[in-house]
Amino acid sequence: MSIIEPKYLTFDDLLKKKLFVIPTYQRAYSWGTKQRLELFKDIERIPNWKDSDRRHFMATIVLLNKPHEKEKVGSDEYIKYEVVDG
């Protein structure tokens, strides 16, 4: 049985040592160039914020942890996470 563990993560912690996989049951990716550029511009601005308590809200991302499924990329090993929603 899976246990749901809500976590509040920084963007850096969200990406650290994780490999995200889009399962075949997910709908097709729908963002265009405009949406991607806006997201990346927002992320690039974060280090320049004057208020250290300010956070960029990225909404909820639901991941299925696959701890027994790991993949090596170069000399690093990443745990696979299926993107269920987000």
N, C-alpha and C. Protein backbone atom coordinates (compact mmCIF):
# COMPACT_ATOMS: atom_id res chain seq x y z
N MET A 1 0.83 -1.17 0.00
CA MET A 1 0.00 0.00 0.00
C MET A 1 0.89 1.25 0.00
N SER A 2 0.54 2.21 -0.83
CA SER A 2 1.29 3.47 -0.89
C SER A 2 0.83 4.40 0.22
N ILE A 3 1.78 5.16 0.75
CA ILE A 3 1.47 6.15 1.76
C ILE A 3 1.68 7.52 1.14
N ILE A 4 0.70 8.40 1.31
CA ILE A 4 0.82 9.76 0.79
C ILE A 4 1.58 10.59 1.81
N GLU A 5 2.66 11.23 1.35
CA GLU A 5 3.49 12.06 2.22
C GLU A 5 3.61 13.46 1.64
N PRO A 6 2.74 14.38 2.02
CA PRO A 6 2.87 15.74 1.51
C PRO A 6 4.15 16.39 2.02
N LYS A 7 4.85 17.09 1.12
CA LYS A 7 6.10 17.77 1.49
C LYS A 7 6.12 19.14 0.85
N TYR A 8 6.67 20.10 1.57
CA TYR A 8 6.89 21.43 1.04
C TYR A 8 8.37 21.51 0.71
N LEU A 9 8.69 21.56 -0.58
CA LEU A 9 10.09 21.54 -1.00
C LEU A 9 10.46 22.81 -1.75
N THR A 10 11.72 23.18 -1.64
CA THR A 10 12.23 24.23 -2.50
C THR A 10 12.39 23.62 -3.90
N PHE A 11 12.52 24.48 -4.88
CA PHE A 11 12.69 24.00 -6.25
C PHE A 11 13.96 23.15 -6.36
N ASP A 12 15.01 23.59 -5.70
CA ASP A 12 16.28 22.85 -5.69
C ASP A 12 16.10 21.46 -5.09
N ASP A 13 15.41 21.37 -3.96
CA ASP A 13 15.18 20.06 -3.32
C ASP A 13 14.28 19.17 -4.18
N LEU A 14 13.33 19.79 -4.87
CA LEU A 14 12.45 19.00 -5.73
C LEU A 14 13.24 18.27 -6.81
N LEU A 15 14.24 18.93 -7.37
CA LEU A 15 14.99 18.34 -8.48
C LEU A 15 16.16 17.45 -8.06
N LYS A 16 16.62 17.61 -6.84
CA LYS A 16 17.84 16.94 -6.39
C LYS A 16 17.74 15.41 -6.43
N LYS A 17 18.63 14.79 -7.21
CA LYS A 17 18.79 13.33 -7.30
C LYS A 17 17.51 12.59 -7.72
N LYS A 18 16.70 13.26 -8.55
CA LYS A 18 15.45 12.64 -9.00
C LYS A 18 15.41 12.61 -10.53
N LEU A 19 14.85 11.55 -11.06
CA LEU A 19 14.62 11.44 -12.49
C LEU A 19 13.11 11.32 -12.68
N PHE A 20 12.52 12.28 -13.36
CA PHE A 20 11.07 12.30 -13.54
C PHE A 20 10.69 11.57 -14.82
N VAL A 21 9.70 10.69 -14.70
CA VAL A 21 9.23 9.88 -15.82
C VAL A 21 7.75 10.17 -16.01
N ILE A 22 7.35 10.39 -17.26
CA ILE A 22 5.93 10.58 -17.56
C ILE A 22 5.37 9.23 -17.98
N PRO A 23 4.47 8.65 -17.16
CA PRO A 23 3.91 7.34 -17.51
C PRO A 23 3.03 7.41 -18.77
N THR A 24 2.87 6.30 -19.42
CA THR A 24 2.10 6.26 -20.67
C THR A 24 0.64 6.60 -20.47
N TYR A 25 0.10 6.45 -19.26
CA TYR A 25 -1.31 6.75 -19.03
C TYR A 25 -1.58 8.25 -18.93
N GLN A 26 -0.54 9.09 -18.89
CA GLN A 26 -0.73 10.54 -18.80
C GLN A 26 -1.09 11.12 -20.16
N ARG A 27 -1.86 12.22 -20.12
CA ARG A 27 -2.22 12.89 -21.37
C ARG A 27 -0.98 13.58 -21.96
N ALA A 28 -1.09 13.94 -23.20
CA ALA A 28 0.05 14.56 -23.90
C ALA A 28 0.41 15.91 -23.28
N TYR A 29 1.66 16.26 -23.35
CA TYR A 29 2.20 17.52 -22.88
C TYR A 29 1.56 18.65 -23.67
N SER A 30 1.09 19.71 -23.00
CA SER A 30 0.34 20.73 -23.73
C SER A 30 0.91 22.14 -23.66
N TRP A 31 1.99 22.36 -22.92
CA TRP A 31 2.55 23.71 -22.85
C TRP A 31 3.25 24.07 -24.14
N GLY A 32 3.14 25.34 -24.50
CA GLY A 32 3.83 25.84 -25.68
C GLY A 32 5.09 26.60 -25.25
N THR A 33 5.77 27.16 -26.21
CA THR A 33 7.01 27.90 -25.95
C THR A 33 6.76 29.06 -24.99
N LYS A 34 5.66 29.78 -25.16
CA LYS A 34 5.36 30.94 -24.31
C LYS A 34 5.28 30.55 -22.83
N GLN A 35 4.55 29.48 -22.51
CA GLN A 35 4.40 29.04 -21.12
C GLN A 35 5.74 28.60 -20.53
N ARG A 36 6.53 27.86 -21.32
CA ARG A 36 7.83 27.40 -20.83
C ARG A 36 8.76 28.58 -20.55
N LEU A 37 8.80 29.55 -21.46
CA LEU A 37 9.66 30.72 -21.27
C LEU A 37 9.26 31.52 -20.03
N GLU A 38 7.96 31.67 -19.80
CA GLU A 38 7.49 32.40 -18.61
C GLU A 38 7.92 31.68 -17.33
N LEU A 39 7.81 30.37 -17.31
CA LEU A 39 8.22 29.59 -16.14
C LEU A 39 9.72 29.75 -15.89
N PHE A 40 10.53 29.58 -16.92
CA PHE A 40 11.97 29.67 -16.75
C PHE A 40 12.41 31.08 -16.35
N LYS A 41 11.75 32.12 -16.88
CA LYS A 41 12.06 33.49 -16.46
C LYS A 41 11.76 33.68 -14.98
N ASP A 42 10.62 33.15 -14.52
CA ASP A 42 10.28 33.24 -13.09
C ASP A 42 11.33 32.55 -12.23
N ILE A 43 11.76 31.37 -12.64
CA ILE A 43 12.75 30.61 -11.87
C ILE A 43 14.09 31.36 -11.84
N GLU A 44 14.48 31.95 -12.96
CA GLU A 44 15.75 32.69 -13.02
C GLU A 44 15.75 33.91 -12.10
N ARG A 45 14.58 34.49 -11.83
CA ARG A 45 14.49 35.68 -10.99
C ARG A 45 14.59 35.38 -9.49
N ILE A 46 14.34 34.17 -9.08
CA ILE A 46 14.28 33.83 -7.66
C ILE A 46 15.54 34.25 -6.89
N PRO A 47 16.76 33.96 -7.37
CA PRO A 47 17.95 34.36 -6.60
C PRO A 47 18.09 35.87 -6.40
N ASN A 48 17.43 36.68 -7.22
CA ASN A 48 17.55 38.13 -7.14
C ASN A 48 16.53 38.78 -6.20
N TRP A 49 15.64 37.99 -5.63
CA TRP A 49 14.64 38.56 -4.73
C TRP A 49 15.32 39.10 -3.48
N LYS A 50 14.90 40.25 -3.05
CA LYS A 50 15.48 40.90 -1.86
C LYS A 50 15.02 40.22 -0.58
N ASP A 51 13.77 39.79 -0.53
CA ASP A 51 13.19 39.19 0.67
C ASP A 51 13.50 37.69 0.68
N SER A 52 14.33 37.24 1.61
CA SER A 52 14.75 35.83 1.65
C SER A 52 13.61 34.89 2.02
N ASP A 53 12.51 35.42 2.58
CA ASP A 53 11.37 34.58 2.93
C ASP A 53 10.39 34.40 1.77
N ARG A 54 10.61 35.11 0.68
CA ARG A 54 9.69 35.03 -0.45
C ARG A 54 9.86 33.69 -1.16
N ARG A 55 8.76 33.10 -1.58
CA ARG A 55 8.77 31.80 -2.25
C ARG A 55 8.02 31.89 -3.58
N HIS A 56 8.42 31.07 -4.53
CA HIS A 56 7.71 30.97 -5.80
C HIS A 56 6.79 29.76 -5.71
N PHE A 57 5.49 29.99 -5.76
CA PHE A 57 4.53 28.89 -5.65
C PHE A 57 4.41 28.18 -6.99
N MET A 58 4.71 26.90 -7.00
CA MET A 58 4.68 26.12 -8.24
C MET A 58 3.50 25.16 -8.29
N ALA A 59 2.56 25.32 -7.38
CA ALA A 59 1.36 24.47 -7.32
C ALA A 59 1.74 23.07 -6.84
N THR A 60 0.78 22.20 -6.88
CA THR A 60 0.98 20.85 -6.38
C THR A 60 1.51 19.94 -7.49
N ILE A 61 2.48 19.15 -7.13
CA ILE A 61 3.01 18.14 -8.04
C ILE A 61 2.86 16.80 -7.32
N VAL A 62 2.19 15.86 -7.95
CA VAL A 62 1.99 14.54 -7.36
C VAL A 62 2.92 13.56 -8.05
N LEU A 63 3.80 12.96 -7.25
CA LEU A 63 4.79 12.02 -7.78
C LEU A 63 4.63 10.66 -7.13
N LEU A 64 4.89 9.62 -7.88
CA LEU A 64 4.92 8.27 -7.35
C LEU A 64 6.38 7.86 -7.25
N ASN A 65 6.84 7.70 -6.02
CA ASN A 65 8.23 7.34 -5.75
C ASN A 65 8.47 5.88 -6.17
N LYS A 66 9.47 5.66 -6.97
CA LYS A 66 9.86 4.32 -7.41
C LYS A 66 11.25 4.02 -6.86
N PRO A 67 11.38 3.86 -5.51
CA PRO A 67 12.72 3.77 -4.90
C PRO A 67 13.57 2.61 -5.39
N HIS A 68 12.95 1.58 -5.91
CA HIS A 68 13.72 0.42 -6.38
C HIS A 68 14.11 0.57 -7.85
N GLU A 69 13.61 1.63 -8.48
CA GLU A 69 13.95 1.89 -9.87
C GLU A 69 14.90 3.08 -9.92
N LYS A 70 16.16 2.80 -10.17
CA LYS A 70 17.18 3.84 -10.23
C LYS A 70 17.83 3.81 -11.61
N GLU A 71 18.37 4.95 -11.99
CA GLU A 71 19.05 5.03 -13.28
C GLU A 71 20.33 5.83 -13.12
N LYS A 72 21.38 5.32 -13.71
CA LYS A 72 22.67 6.02 -13.67
C LYS A 72 22.76 6.96 -14.87
N VAL A 73 23.19 8.18 -14.58
CA VAL A 73 23.47 9.16 -15.63
C VAL A 73 24.87 9.65 -15.33
N GLY A 74 25.80 9.24 -16.16
CA GLY A 74 27.21 9.51 -15.87
C GLY A 74 27.60 8.74 -14.62
N SER A 75 28.18 9.43 -13.65
CA SER A 75 28.56 8.77 -12.40
C SER A 75 27.51 8.95 -11.30
N ASP A 76 26.42 9.66 -11.62
CA ASP A 76 25.36 9.91 -10.64
C ASP A 76 24.23 8.91 -10.78
N GLU A 77 23.59 8.60 -9.66
CA GLU A 77 22.45 7.69 -9.66
C GLU A 77 21.21 8.45 -9.21
N TYR A 78 20.12 8.28 -9.92
CA TYR A 78 18.88 9.00 -9.65
C TYR A 78 17.75 8.01 -9.36
N ILE A 79 16.89 8.39 -8.41
CA ILE A 79 15.69 7.60 -8.12
C ILE A 79 14.60 8.05 -9.09
N LYS A 80 13.86 7.12 -9.66
CA LYS A 80 12.79 7.46 -10.59
C LYS A 80 11.52 7.83 -9.84
N TYR A 81 10.85 8.85 -10.37
CA TYR A 81 9.57 9.31 -9.86
C TYR A 81 8.63 9.44 -11.05
N GLU A 82 7.46 8.81 -10.97
CA GLU A 82 6.45 8.98 -12.00
C GLU A 82 5.66 10.24 -11.70
N VAL A 83 5.45 11.08 -12.71
CA VAL A 83 4.65 12.28 -12.54
C VAL A 83 3.18 11.87 -12.71
N VAL A 84 2.46 11.87 -11.60
CA VAL A 84 1.05 11.47 -11.61
C VAL A 84 0.18 12.67 -11.96
N ASP A 85 0.52 13.83 -11.40
CA ASP A 85 -0.24 15.05 -11.69
C ASP A 85 0.64 16.25 -11.36
N GLY A 86 0.49 17.29 -12.15
CA GLY A 86 1.25 18.51 -11.85
C GLY A 86 1.69 19.22 -13.08
